[in-house]
Amino acid sequence: MFDSNLPLLDLRQTDDYQKEHVVGSTHLPWPSLLERLNELPARPAQLQIVAEASVLGAASRFLVEKGYEVVLQVSSNDLTLFLNQFPKICQAGSSSRALWQPCALLKNYIEKLDGSCGQALDIGCGGGRDAVYLSQQGWQVTAIDKQDAVLQRAKQLADYNHQSINFRGCDLSELTCLPDKTFDLIVMVRYLNRSLYDWLRAHLNPGGVLIMQTFTEGVEKFSSPKNPNFILQTGELAKTFSDFEIIIDRIEQLKDGRPIASFIAKKKEE
């Protein structure tokens, strides 16, 4: 019935999930799923869902509206019958497979380090995946976003993963709301604010690393973004941070075809 290669979301309530579920399931009880999209894999993706019969339709429609393809819907009653037939793939308890991933550019860079950590800043943290990942690796993380609802989801993700992160609400058009300290790592993913360029340089420690990834020229052909304020020009970051040691400067494509600039640079030692 289930495809082990595809995510399986179990939307039942906690007691039912802990009593029995398919090995490798991800528990996101309905309706908390509505506020926990940051825990799902990147779109587009195929999903399988298990839920009470009364919510299967609503849950499936919600996920489709958010850009996912629901390839299998199983009611809780049918799940019980199935697990009775195949007890080897049934387990009890609260274990839940994590489906979310941090930015691949960030993850690949961090994995190559020797394990040394420090102070990290995530600007425009969104749902918090990059901030939580860095915290899991031992970094002391400050994460900033201007939207209260987005920050709340990020805080929930940190709580679910038992991570302590300094989340801050901040209108990034006001530089005075930014932290008055320096960092060993600054991350800015899917966010562009050119007025921060000088601030980034001033608040990165010597030997510190800047990681940026956002949309670049050519994305206008797609649905979004179209505002040039949110679109990098070709070679813009390399020119802006020409006094840094540039580690990566390349153009990649998302699954939907949109071009995205990936940039990593180290501030030179004084």
C-alpha atoms as a PDB file:
ATOM      1  CA  MET A   1       0.000   0.000   0.000  1.00  0.00           C
ATOM      2  CA  PHE A   2       2.674   2.506   1.023  1.00  0.00           C
ATOM      3  CA  ASP A   3       5.674   3.572  -1.032  1.00  0.00           C
ATOM      4  CA  SER A   4       8.677   3.576   1.299  1.00  0.00           C
ATOM      5  CA  ASN A   5      10.451   6.038  -0.994  1.00  0.00           C
ATOM      6  CA  LEU A   6       7.848   8.761  -0.427  1.00  0.00           C
ATOM      7  CA  PRO A   7       7.110  10.758   2.737  1.00  0.00           C
ATOM      8  CA  LEU A   8       4.223   9.415   4.804  1.00  0.00           C
ATOM      9  CA  LEU A   9       2.418  12.043   6.874  1.00  0.00           C
ATOM     10  CA  ASP A  10       0.401  10.690   9.766  1.00  0.00           C
ATOM     11  CA  LEU A  11      -2.138  13.361  10.709  1.00  0.00           C
ATOM     12  CA  ARG A  12      -3.844  11.471  13.517  1.00  0.00           C
ATOM     13  CA  GLN A  13      -3.851  12.692  17.086  1.00  0.00           C
ATOM     14  CA  THR A  14      -0.911  11.907  19.347  1.00  0.00           C
ATOM     15  CA  ASP A  15      -2.472   9.041  21.330  1.00  0.00           C
ATOM     16  CA  ASP A  16      -3.471   7.180  18.172  1.00  0.00           C
ATOM     17  CA  TYR A  17      -0.076   7.748  16.556  1.00  0.00           C
ATOM     18  CA  GLN A  18       1.859   6.556  19.596  1.00  0.00           C
ATOM     19  CA  LYS A  19      -0.288   3.435  19.844  1.00  0.00           C
ATOM     20  CA  GLU A  20       0.691   2.305  16.339  1.00  0.00           C
ATOM     21  CA  HIS A  21       2.049   3.785  13.128  1.00  0.00           C
ATOM     22  CA  VAL A  22       4.012   2.807  10.055  1.00  0.00           C
ATOM     23  CA  VAL A  23       7.767   2.710  10.560  1.00  0.00           C
ATOM     24  CA  GLY A  24       9.279   5.874   9.058  1.00  0.00           C
ATOM     25  CA  SER A  25       6.127   7.971   9.386  1.00  0.00           C
ATOM     26  CA  THR A  26       6.159  11.683  10.090  1.00  0.00           C
ATOM     27  CA  HIS A  27       3.694  12.792  12.751  1.00  0.00           C
ATOM     28  CA  LEU A  28       2.039  16.155  12.076  1.00  0.00           C
ATOM     29  CA  PRO A  29      -1.368  16.018  13.764  1.00  0.00           C
ATOM     30  CA  TRP A  30      -4.241  17.793  12.065  1.00  0.00           C
ATOM     31  CA  PRO A  31      -4.915  20.702  12.255  1.00  0.00           C
ATOM     32  CA  SER A  32      -1.425  21.719  13.468  1.00  0.00           C
ATOM     33  CA  LEU A  33      -0.218  20.870   9.958  1.00  0.00           C
ATOM     34  CA  LEU A  34      -1.755  24.171   8.859  1.00  0.00           C
ATOM     35  CA  GLU A  35       0.970  26.013  10.790  1.00  0.00           C
ATOM     36  CA  ARG A  36       3.833  23.573  10.234  1.00  0.00           C
ATOM     37  CA  LEU A  37       4.501  23.677   6.502  1.00  0.00           C
ATOM     38  CA  ASN A  38       8.133  24.478   7.266  1.00  0.00           C
ATOM     39  CA  GLU A  39       8.472  20.855   8.402  1.00  0.00           C
ATOM     40  CA  LEU A  40       7.550  19.449   4.989  1.00  0.00           C
ATOM     41  CA  PRO A  41       9.977  18.727   2.140  1.00  0.00           C
ATOM     42  CA  ALA A  42      10.607  21.378  -0.481  1.00  0.00           C
ATOM     43  CA  ARG A  43       7.905  21.740  -3.113  1.00  0.00           C
ATOM     44  CA  PRO A  44       7.071  20.173  -5.480  1.00  0.00           C
ATOM     45  CA  ALA A  45       6.957  16.775  -3.788  1.00  0.00           C
ATOM     46  CA  GLN A  46       4.725  13.729  -3.604  1.00  0.00           C
ATOM     47  CA  LEU A  47       3.185  12.853  -0.251  1.00  0.00           C
ATOM     48  CA  GLN A  48       1.189  10.022   1.311  1.00  0.00           C
ATOM     49  CA  ILE A  49      -1.188  10.840   4.160  1.00  0.00           C
ATOM     50  CA  VAL A  50      -2.940   8.957   6.946  1.00  0.00           C
ATOM     51  CA  ALA A  51      -5.780  10.631   8.826  1.00  0.00           C
ATOM     52  CA  GLU A  52      -9.209  10.193  10.306  1.00  0.00           C
ATOM     53  CA  ALA A  53     -11.691   9.743   7.464  1.00  0.00           C
ATOM     54  CA  SER A  54     -13.412  12.994   8.394  1.00  0.00           C
ATOM     55  CA  VAL A  55     -10.300  15.112   7.689  1.00  0.00           C
ATOM     56  CA  LEU A  56      -8.687  13.265   4.784  1.00  0.00           C
ATOM     57  CA  GLY A  57     -10.371  15.409   2.154  1.00  0.00           C
ATOM     58  CA  ALA A  58      -9.599  18.731   3.822  1.00  0.00           C
ATOM     59  CA  ALA A  59      -5.980  17.768   4.484  1.00  0.00           C
ATOM     60  CA  SER A  60      -5.452  16.598   0.918  1.00  0.00           C
ATOM     61  CA  ARG A  61      -6.940  19.781  -0.552  1.00  0.00           C
ATOM     62  CA  PHE A  62      -4.792  21.935   1.724  1.00  0.00           C
ATOM     63  CA  LEU A  63      -1.593  20.179   0.672  1.00  0.00           C
ATOM     64  CA  VAL A  64      -2.480  20.372  -3.017  1.00  0.00           C
ATOM     65  CA  GLU A  65      -3.187  24.090  -2.666  1.00  0.00           C
ATOM     66  CA  LYS A  66       0.279  24.481  -1.157  1.00  0.00           C
ATOM     67  CA  GLY A  67       1.946  22.825  -4.139  1.00  0.00           C
ATOM     68  CA  TYR A  68       2.184  19.178  -3.096  1.00  0.00           C
ATOM     69  CA  GLU A  69       0.879  16.084  -4.872  1.00  0.00           C
ATOM     70  CA  VAL A  70      -1.012  13.689  -2.608  1.00  0.00           C
ATOM     71  CA  VAL A  71      -0.586  10.258  -4.182  1.00  0.00           C
ATOM     72  CA  LEU A  72      -2.159   8.166  -1.418  1.00  0.00           C
ATOM     73  CA  GLN A  73      -4.849   8.806   1.211  1.00  0.00           C
ATOM     74  CA  VAL A  74      -5.454   6.209   3.928  1.00  0.00           C
ATOM     75  CA  SER A  75      -8.067   6.431   6.667  1.00  0.00           C
ATOM     76  CA  SER A  76      -7.182   5.490  10.227  1.00  0.00           C
ATOM     77  CA  ASN A  77      -9.497   2.471  10.054  1.00  0.00           C
ATOM     78  CA  ASP A  78      -7.830   1.188   6.885  1.00  0.00           C
ATOM     79  CA  LEU A  79      -4.436   1.770   8.486  1.00  0.00           C
ATOM     80  CA  THR A  80      -5.363  -0.441  11.430  1.00  0.00           C
ATOM     81  CA  LEU A  81      -6.458  -3.243   9.100  1.00  0.00           C
ATOM     82  CA  PHE A  82      -3.266  -2.889   7.074  1.00  0.00           C
ATOM     83  CA  LEU A  83      -0.971  -2.965  10.116  1.00  0.00           C
ATOM     84  CA  ASN A  84      -2.746  -6.043  11.433  1.00  0.00           C
ATOM     85  CA  GLN A  85      -1.836  -7.777   8.174  1.00  0.00           C
ATOM     86  CA  PHE A  86       1.756  -6.492   8.105  1.00  0.00           C
ATOM     87  CA  PRO A  87       2.895  -6.153  11.731  1.00  0.00           C
ATOM     88  CA  LYS A  88       6.589  -5.959  10.765  1.00  0.00           C
ATOM     89  CA  ILE A  89       6.172  -2.384   9.537  1.00  0.00           C
ATOM     90  CA  CYS A  90       4.170  -1.327  12.596  1.00  0.00           C
ATOM     91  CA  GLN A  91       5.691   0.358  15.609  1.00  0.00           C
ATOM     92  CA  ALA A  92       4.553   2.186  18.733  1.00  0.00           C
ATOM     93  CA  GLY A  93       6.002   5.282  20.343  1.00  0.00           C
ATOM     94  CA  SER A  94       6.633   8.884  19.397  1.00  0.00           C
ATOM     95  CA  SER A  95       9.453   8.526  16.854  1.00  0.00           C
ATOM     96  CA  SER A  96       8.809  10.724  13.819  1.00  0.00           C
ATOM     97  CA  ARG A  97      10.858  11.092  10.651  1.00  0.00           C
ATOM     98  CA  ALA A  98      12.081  14.635   9.978  1.00  0.00           C
ATOM     99  CA  LEU A  99      11.309  15.719   6.421  1.00  0.00           C
ATOM    100  CA  TRP A 100      12.659  19.247   6.426  1.00  0.00           C
ATOM    101  CA  GLN A 101      16.150  20.116   5.235  1.00  0.00           C
ATOM    102  CA  PRO A 102      18.272  23.248   5.520  1.00  0.00           C
ATOM    103  CA  CYS A 103      19.586  25.067   2.471  1.00  0.00           C
ATOM    104  CA  ALA A 104      21.837  22.574   0.651  1.00  0.00           C
ATOM    105  CA  LEU A 105      24.483  25.255   0.060  1.00  0.00           C
ATOM    106  CA  LEU A 106      24.712  25.905   3.812  1.00  0.00           C
ATOM    107  CA  LYS A 107      24.631  22.234   4.772  1.00  0.00           C
ATOM    108  CA  ASN A 108      27.354  21.258   2.318  1.00  0.00           C
ATOM    109  CA  TYR A 109      29.626  24.015   3.598  1.00  0.00           C
ATOM    110  CA  ILE A 110      29.073  23.262   7.296  1.00  0.00           C
ATOM    111  CA  GLU A 111      29.708  19.550   6.753  1.00  0.00           C
ATOM    112  CA  LYS A 112      33.167  20.344   5.373  1.00  0.00           C
ATOM    113  CA  LEU A 113      34.244  22.287   8.455  1.00  0.00           C
ATOM    114  CA  ASP A 114      36.407  20.724  11.155  1.00  0.00           C
ATOM    115  CA  GLY A 115      33.616  21.004  13.696  1.00  0.00           C
ATOM    116  CA  SER A 116      34.524  24.473  14.929  1.00  0.00           C
ATOM    117  CA  CYS A 117      31.501  26.643  15.656  1.00  0.00           C
ATOM    118  CA  GLY A 118      30.816  30.161  16.817  1.00  0.00           C
ATOM    119  CA  GLN A 119      28.241  32.916  16.579  1.00  0.00           C
ATOM    120  CA  ALA A 120      25.884  32.697  13.596  1.00  0.00           C
ATOM    121  CA  LEU A 121      23.263  35.110  12.282  1.00  0.00           C
ATOM    122  CA  ASP A 122      20.400  34.086   9.990  1.00  0.00           C
ATOM    123  CA  ILE A 123      18.872  37.165   8.330  1.00  0.00           C
ATOM    124  CA  GLY A 124      15.376  36.618   6.938  1.00  0.00           C
ATOM    125  CA  CYS A 125      15.187  33.247   8.680  1.00  0.00           C
ATOM    126  CA  GLY A 126      11.691  32.387   7.463  1.00  0.00           C
ATOM    127  CA  GLY A 127      10.500  29.046   8.831  1.00  0.00           C
ATOM    128  CA  GLY A 128      13.753  28.545  10.734  1.00  0.00           C
ATOM    129  CA  ARG A 129      15.189  25.476   9.015  1.00  0.00           C
ATOM    130  CA  ASP A 130      18.662  26.931   8.499  1.00  0.00           C
ATOM    131  CA  ALA A 131      18.758  28.403  12.019  1.00  0.00           C
ATOM    132  CA  VAL A 132      17.683  25.127  13.631  1.00  0.00           C
ATOM    133  CA  TYR A 133      20.195  23.154  11.557  1.00  0.00           C
ATOM    134  CA  LEU A 134      23.042  25.447  12.606  1.00  0.00           C
ATOM    135  CA  SER A 135      22.000  25.171  16.243  1.00  0.00           C
ATOM    136  CA  GLN A 136      21.990  21.382  15.949  1.00  0.00           C
ATOM    137  CA  GLN A 137      25.590  21.571  14.709  1.00  0.00           C
ATOM    138  CA  GLY A 138      26.638  23.534  17.785  1.00  0.00           C
ATOM    139  CA  TRP A 139      26.431  27.139  16.598  1.00  0.00           C
ATOM    140  CA  GLN A 140      25.049  29.899  18.807  1.00  0.00           C
ATOM    141  CA  VAL A 141      22.345  31.264  16.531  1.00  0.00           C
ATOM    142  CA  THR A 142      20.512  34.573  16.274  1.00  0.00           C
ATOM    143  CA  ALA A 143      17.679  34.441  13.729  1.00  0.00           C
ATOM    144  CA  ILE A 144      15.802  37.467  12.408  1.00  0.00           C
ATOM    145  CA  ASP A 145      12.594  37.941  10.459  1.00  0.00           C
ATOM    146  CA  LYS A 146      10.059  40.745  10.318  1.00  0.00           C
ATOM    147  CA  GLN A 147       6.892  38.624  10.165  1.00  0.00           C
ATOM    148  CA  ASP A 148       5.529  37.542  13.532  1.00  0.00           C
ATOM    149  CA  ALA A 149       3.626  34.563  12.111  1.00  0.00           C
ATOM    150  CA  VAL A 150       6.741  33.285  10.342  1.00  0.00           C
ATOM    151  CA  LEU A 151       8.828  33.694  13.492  1.00  0.00           C
ATOM    152  CA  GLN A 152       6.260  31.737  15.481  1.00  0.00           C
ATOM    153  CA  ARG A 153       6.596  28.789  13.095  1.00  0.00           C
ATOM    154  CA  ALA A 154      10.386  29.026  13.335  1.00  0.00           C
ATOM    155  CA  LYS A 155      10.191  28.997  17.129  1.00  0.00           C
ATOM    156  CA  GLN A 156       7.952  25.930  17.010  1.00  0.00           C
ATOM    157  CA  LEU A 157      10.448  24.115  14.798  1.00  0.00           C
ATOM    158  CA  ALA A 158      13.226  24.956  17.256  1.00  0.00           C
ATOM    159  CA  ASP A 159      11.115  23.733  20.180  1.00  0.00           C
ATOM    160  CA  TYR A 160      10.200  20.466  18.443  1.00  0.00           C
ATOM    161  CA  ASN A 161      13.906  19.878  17.827  1.00  0.00           C
ATOM    162  CA  HIS A 162      14.962  20.951  21.344  1.00  0.00           C
ATOM    163  CA  GLN A 163      17.135  23.843  20.138  1.00  0.00           C
ATOM    164  CA  SER A 164      17.674  27.183  21.872  1.00  0.00           C
ATOM    165  CA  ILE A 165      17.836  30.044  19.361  1.00  0.00           C
ATOM    166  CA  ASN A 166      17.676  33.792  19.836  1.00  0.00           C
ATOM    167  CA  PHE A 167      14.767  34.731  17.555  1.00  0.00           C
ATOM    168  CA  ARG A 168      14.223  38.427  16.958  1.00  0.00           C
ATOM    169  CA  GLY A 169      11.471  40.311  15.162  1.00  0.00           C
ATOM    170  CA  CYS A 170      13.057  43.063  13.132  1.00  0.00           C
ATOM    171  CA  ASP A 171      12.042  45.366  10.293  1.00  0.00           C
ATOM    172  CA  LEU A 172      15.200  45.034   8.235  1.00  0.00           C
ATOM    173  CA  SER A 173      14.682  48.435   6.664  1.00  0.00           C
ATOM    174  CA  GLU A 174      15.747  49.796  10.059  1.00  0.00           C
ATOM    175  CA  LEU A 175      19.393  48.882  10.617  1.00  0.00           C
ATOM    176  CA  THR A 176      19.175  49.981  14.244  1.00  0.00           C
ATOM    177  CA  CYS A 177      17.119  46.886  15.074  1.00  0.00           C
ATOM    178  CA  LEU A 178      19.927  44.550  14.013  1.00  0.00           C
ATOM    179  CA  PRO A 179      22.223  43.014  16.665  1.00  0.00           C
ATOM    180  CA  ASP A 180      25.055  45.238  17.848  1.00  0.00           C
ATOM    181  CA  LYS A 181      27.671  42.474  17.756  1.00  0.00           C
ATOM    182  CA  THR A 182      29.843  40.611  15.304  1.00  0.00           C
ATOM    183  CA  PHE A 183      29.438  37.082  13.943  1.00  0.00           C
ATOM    184  CA  ASP A 184      31.538  34.223  12.625  1.00  0.00           C
ATOM    185  CA  LEU A 185      28.872  33.242  10.101  1.00  0.00           C
ATOM    186  CA  ILE A 186      26.099  35.255   8.475  1.00  0.00           C
ATOM    187  CA  VAL A 187      23.464  33.530   6.361  1.00  0.00           C
ATOM    188  CA  MET A 188      20.951  35.215   4.059  1.00  0.00           C
ATOM    189  CA  VAL A 189      18.878  32.747   2.011  1.00  0.00           C
ATOM    190  CA  ARG A 190      15.920  33.607  -0.264  1.00  0.00           C
ATOM    191  CA  TYR A 191      16.181  37.187   0.909  1.00  0.00           C
ATOM    192  CA  LEU A 192      17.875  40.223  -0.602  1.00  0.00           C
ATOM    193  CA  ASN A 193      18.375  43.624   0.982  1.00  0.00           C
ATOM    194  CA  ARG A 194      21.148  45.624  -0.646  1.00  0.00           C
ATOM    195  CA  SER A 195      21.084  48.220   2.103  1.00  0.00           C
ATOM    196  CA  LEU A 196      22.614  45.549   4.373  1.00  0.00           C
ATOM    197  CA  TYR A 197      25.789  45.047   2.345  1.00  0.00           C
ATOM    198  CA  ASP A 198      27.900  47.474   4.384  1.00  0.00           C
ATOM    199  CA  TRP A 199      26.385  46.195   7.623  1.00  0.00           C
ATOM    200  CA  LEU A 200      27.272  42.617   6.692  1.00  0.00           C
ATOM    201  CA  ARG A 201      30.882  43.569   6.048  1.00  0.00           C
ATOM    202  CA  ALA A 202      31.158  45.511   9.320  1.00  0.00           C
ATOM    203  CA  HIS A 203      29.542  42.817  11.488  1.00  0.00           C
ATOM    204  CA  LEU A 204      31.396  39.792  10.174  1.00  0.00           C
ATOM    205  CA  ASN A 205      34.474  38.844  12.161  1.00  0.00           C
ATOM    206  CA  PRO A 206      37.830  38.565  10.354  1.00  0.00           C
ATOM    207  CA  GLY A 207      37.900  35.042   8.968  1.00  0.00           C
ATOM    208  CA  GLY A 208      34.112  34.903   9.197  1.00  0.00           C
ATOM    209  CA  VAL A 209      31.969  33.554   6.375  1.00  0.00           C
ATOM    210  CA  LEU A 210      29.051  35.039   4.452  1.00  0.00           C
ATOM    211  CA  ILE A 211      26.627  32.633   2.799  1.00  0.00           C
ATOM    212  CA  MET A 212      23.984  34.049   0.455  1.00  0.00           C
ATOM    213  CA  GLN A 213      21.571  32.350  -1.896  1.00  0.00           C
ATOM    214  CA  THR A 214      18.785  34.144  -3.692  1.00  0.00           C
ATOM    215  CA  PHE A 215      17.200  34.697  -7.084  1.00  0.00           C
ATOM    216  CA  THR A 216      19.180  36.161  -9.941  1.00  0.00           C
ATOM    217  CA  GLU A 217      18.596  37.632 -13.399  1.00  0.00           C
ATOM    218  CA  GLY A 218      16.390  35.410 -15.556  1.00  0.00           C
ATOM    219  CA  VAL A 219      13.903  34.661 -12.800  1.00  0.00           C
ATOM    220  CA  GLU A 220      11.624  37.343 -14.289  1.00  0.00           C
ATOM    221  CA  LYS A 221      10.494  34.779 -16.872  1.00  0.00           C
ATOM    222  CA  PHE A 222       8.828  32.829 -14.087  1.00  0.00           C
ATOM    223  CA  SER A 223       5.990  33.684 -11.727  1.00  0.00           C
ATOM    224  CA  SER A 224       8.077  35.348  -9.017  1.00  0.00           C
ATOM    225  CA  PRO A 225       9.901  37.386  -7.975  1.00  0.00           C
ATOM    226  CA  LYS A 226       9.693  40.141 -10.575  1.00  0.00           C
ATOM    227  CA  ASN A 227      10.645  43.149  -8.456  1.00  0.00           C
ATOM    228  CA  PRO A 228      14.293  44.018  -9.319  1.00  0.00           C
ATOM    229  CA  ASN A 229      14.868  44.903  -5.656  1.00  0.00           C
ATOM    230  CA  PHE A 230      14.702  41.172  -4.917  1.00  0.00           C
ATOM    231  CA  ILE A 231      16.746  39.962  -7.895  1.00  0.00           C
ATOM    232  CA  LEU A 232      20.528  39.815  -8.001  1.00  0.00           C
ATOM    233  CA  GLN A 233      22.415  41.037 -11.032  1.00  0.00           C
ATOM    234  CA  THR A 234      24.952  38.722 -12.613  1.00  0.00           C
ATOM    235  CA  GLY A 235      28.235  39.000 -10.725  1.00  0.00           C
ATOM    236  CA  GLU A 236      26.793  41.460  -8.207  1.00  0.00           C
ATOM    237  CA  LEU A 237      27.929  39.670  -5.062  1.00  0.00           C
ATOM    238  CA  ALA A 238      31.445  38.975  -6.330  1.00  0.00           C
ATOM    239  CA  LYS A 239      31.826  42.650  -7.181  1.00  0.00           C
ATOM    240  CA  THR A 240      30.311  43.876  -3.913  1.00  0.00           C
ATOM    241  CA  PHE A 241      32.496  41.598  -1.779  1.00  0.00           C
ATOM    242  CA  SER A 242      35.587  41.653  -3.973  1.00  0.00           C
ATOM    243  CA  ASP A 243      37.744  42.256  -0.896  1.00  0.00           C
ATOM    244  CA  PHE A 244      36.636  38.873   0.508  1.00  0.00           C
ATOM    245  CA  GLU A 245      38.055  35.460  -0.358  1.00  0.00           C
ATOM    246  CA  ILE A 246      35.353  34.083  -2.658  1.00  0.00           C
ATOM    247  CA  ILE A 247      34.784  30.376  -2.085  1.00  0.00           C
ATOM    248  CA  ILE A 248      31.687  29.756  -4.236  1.00  0.00           C
ATOM    249  CA  ASP A 249      30.014  31.986  -6.807  1.00  0.00           C
ATOM    250  CA  ARG A 250      27.736  30.104  -9.152  1.00  0.00           C
ATOM    251  CA  ILE A 251      24.257  30.042 -10.678  1.00  0.00           C
ATOM    252  CA  GLU A 252      22.025  27.038 -10.004  1.00  0.00           C
ATOM    253  CA  GLN A 253      18.438  26.140 -10.845  1.00  0.00           C
ATOM    254  CA  LEU A 254      15.610  25.172  -8.532  1.00  0.00           C
ATOM    255  CA  LYS A 255      13.337  22.262  -9.411  1.00  0.00           C
ATOM    256  CA  ASP A 256      10.889  24.696 -10.990  1.00  0.00           C
ATOM    257  CA  GLY A 257      13.625  26.116 -13.233  1.00  0.00           C
ATOM    258  CA  ARG A 258      14.174  29.445 -11.507  1.00  0.00           C
ATOM    259  CA  PRO A 259      17.836  30.553 -11.457  1.00  0.00           C
ATOM    260  CA  ILE A 260      19.386  31.157  -8.073  1.00  0.00           C
ATOM    261  CA  ALA A 261      22.775  32.582  -7.157  1.00  0.00           C
ATOM    262  CA  SER A 262      24.840  30.653  -4.603  1.00  0.00           C
ATOM    263  CA  PHE A 263      27.604  32.642  -2.952  1.00  0.00           C
ATOM    264  CA  ILE A 264      30.058  31.888  -0.139  1.00  0.00           C
ATOM    265  CA  ALA A 265      32.871  34.272   0.794  1.00  0.00           C
ATOM    266  CA  LYS A 266      35.269  34.620   3.722  1.00  0.00           C
ATOM    267  CA  LYS A 267      36.257  37.962   5.190  1.00  0.00           C
ATOM    268  CA  LYS A 268      40.044  38.201   5.088  1.00  0.00           C
ATOM    269  CA  GLU A 269      42.023  38.235   8.296  1.00  0.00           C
ATOM    270  CA  GLU A 270      43.234  41.662   9.340  1.00  0.00           C
END
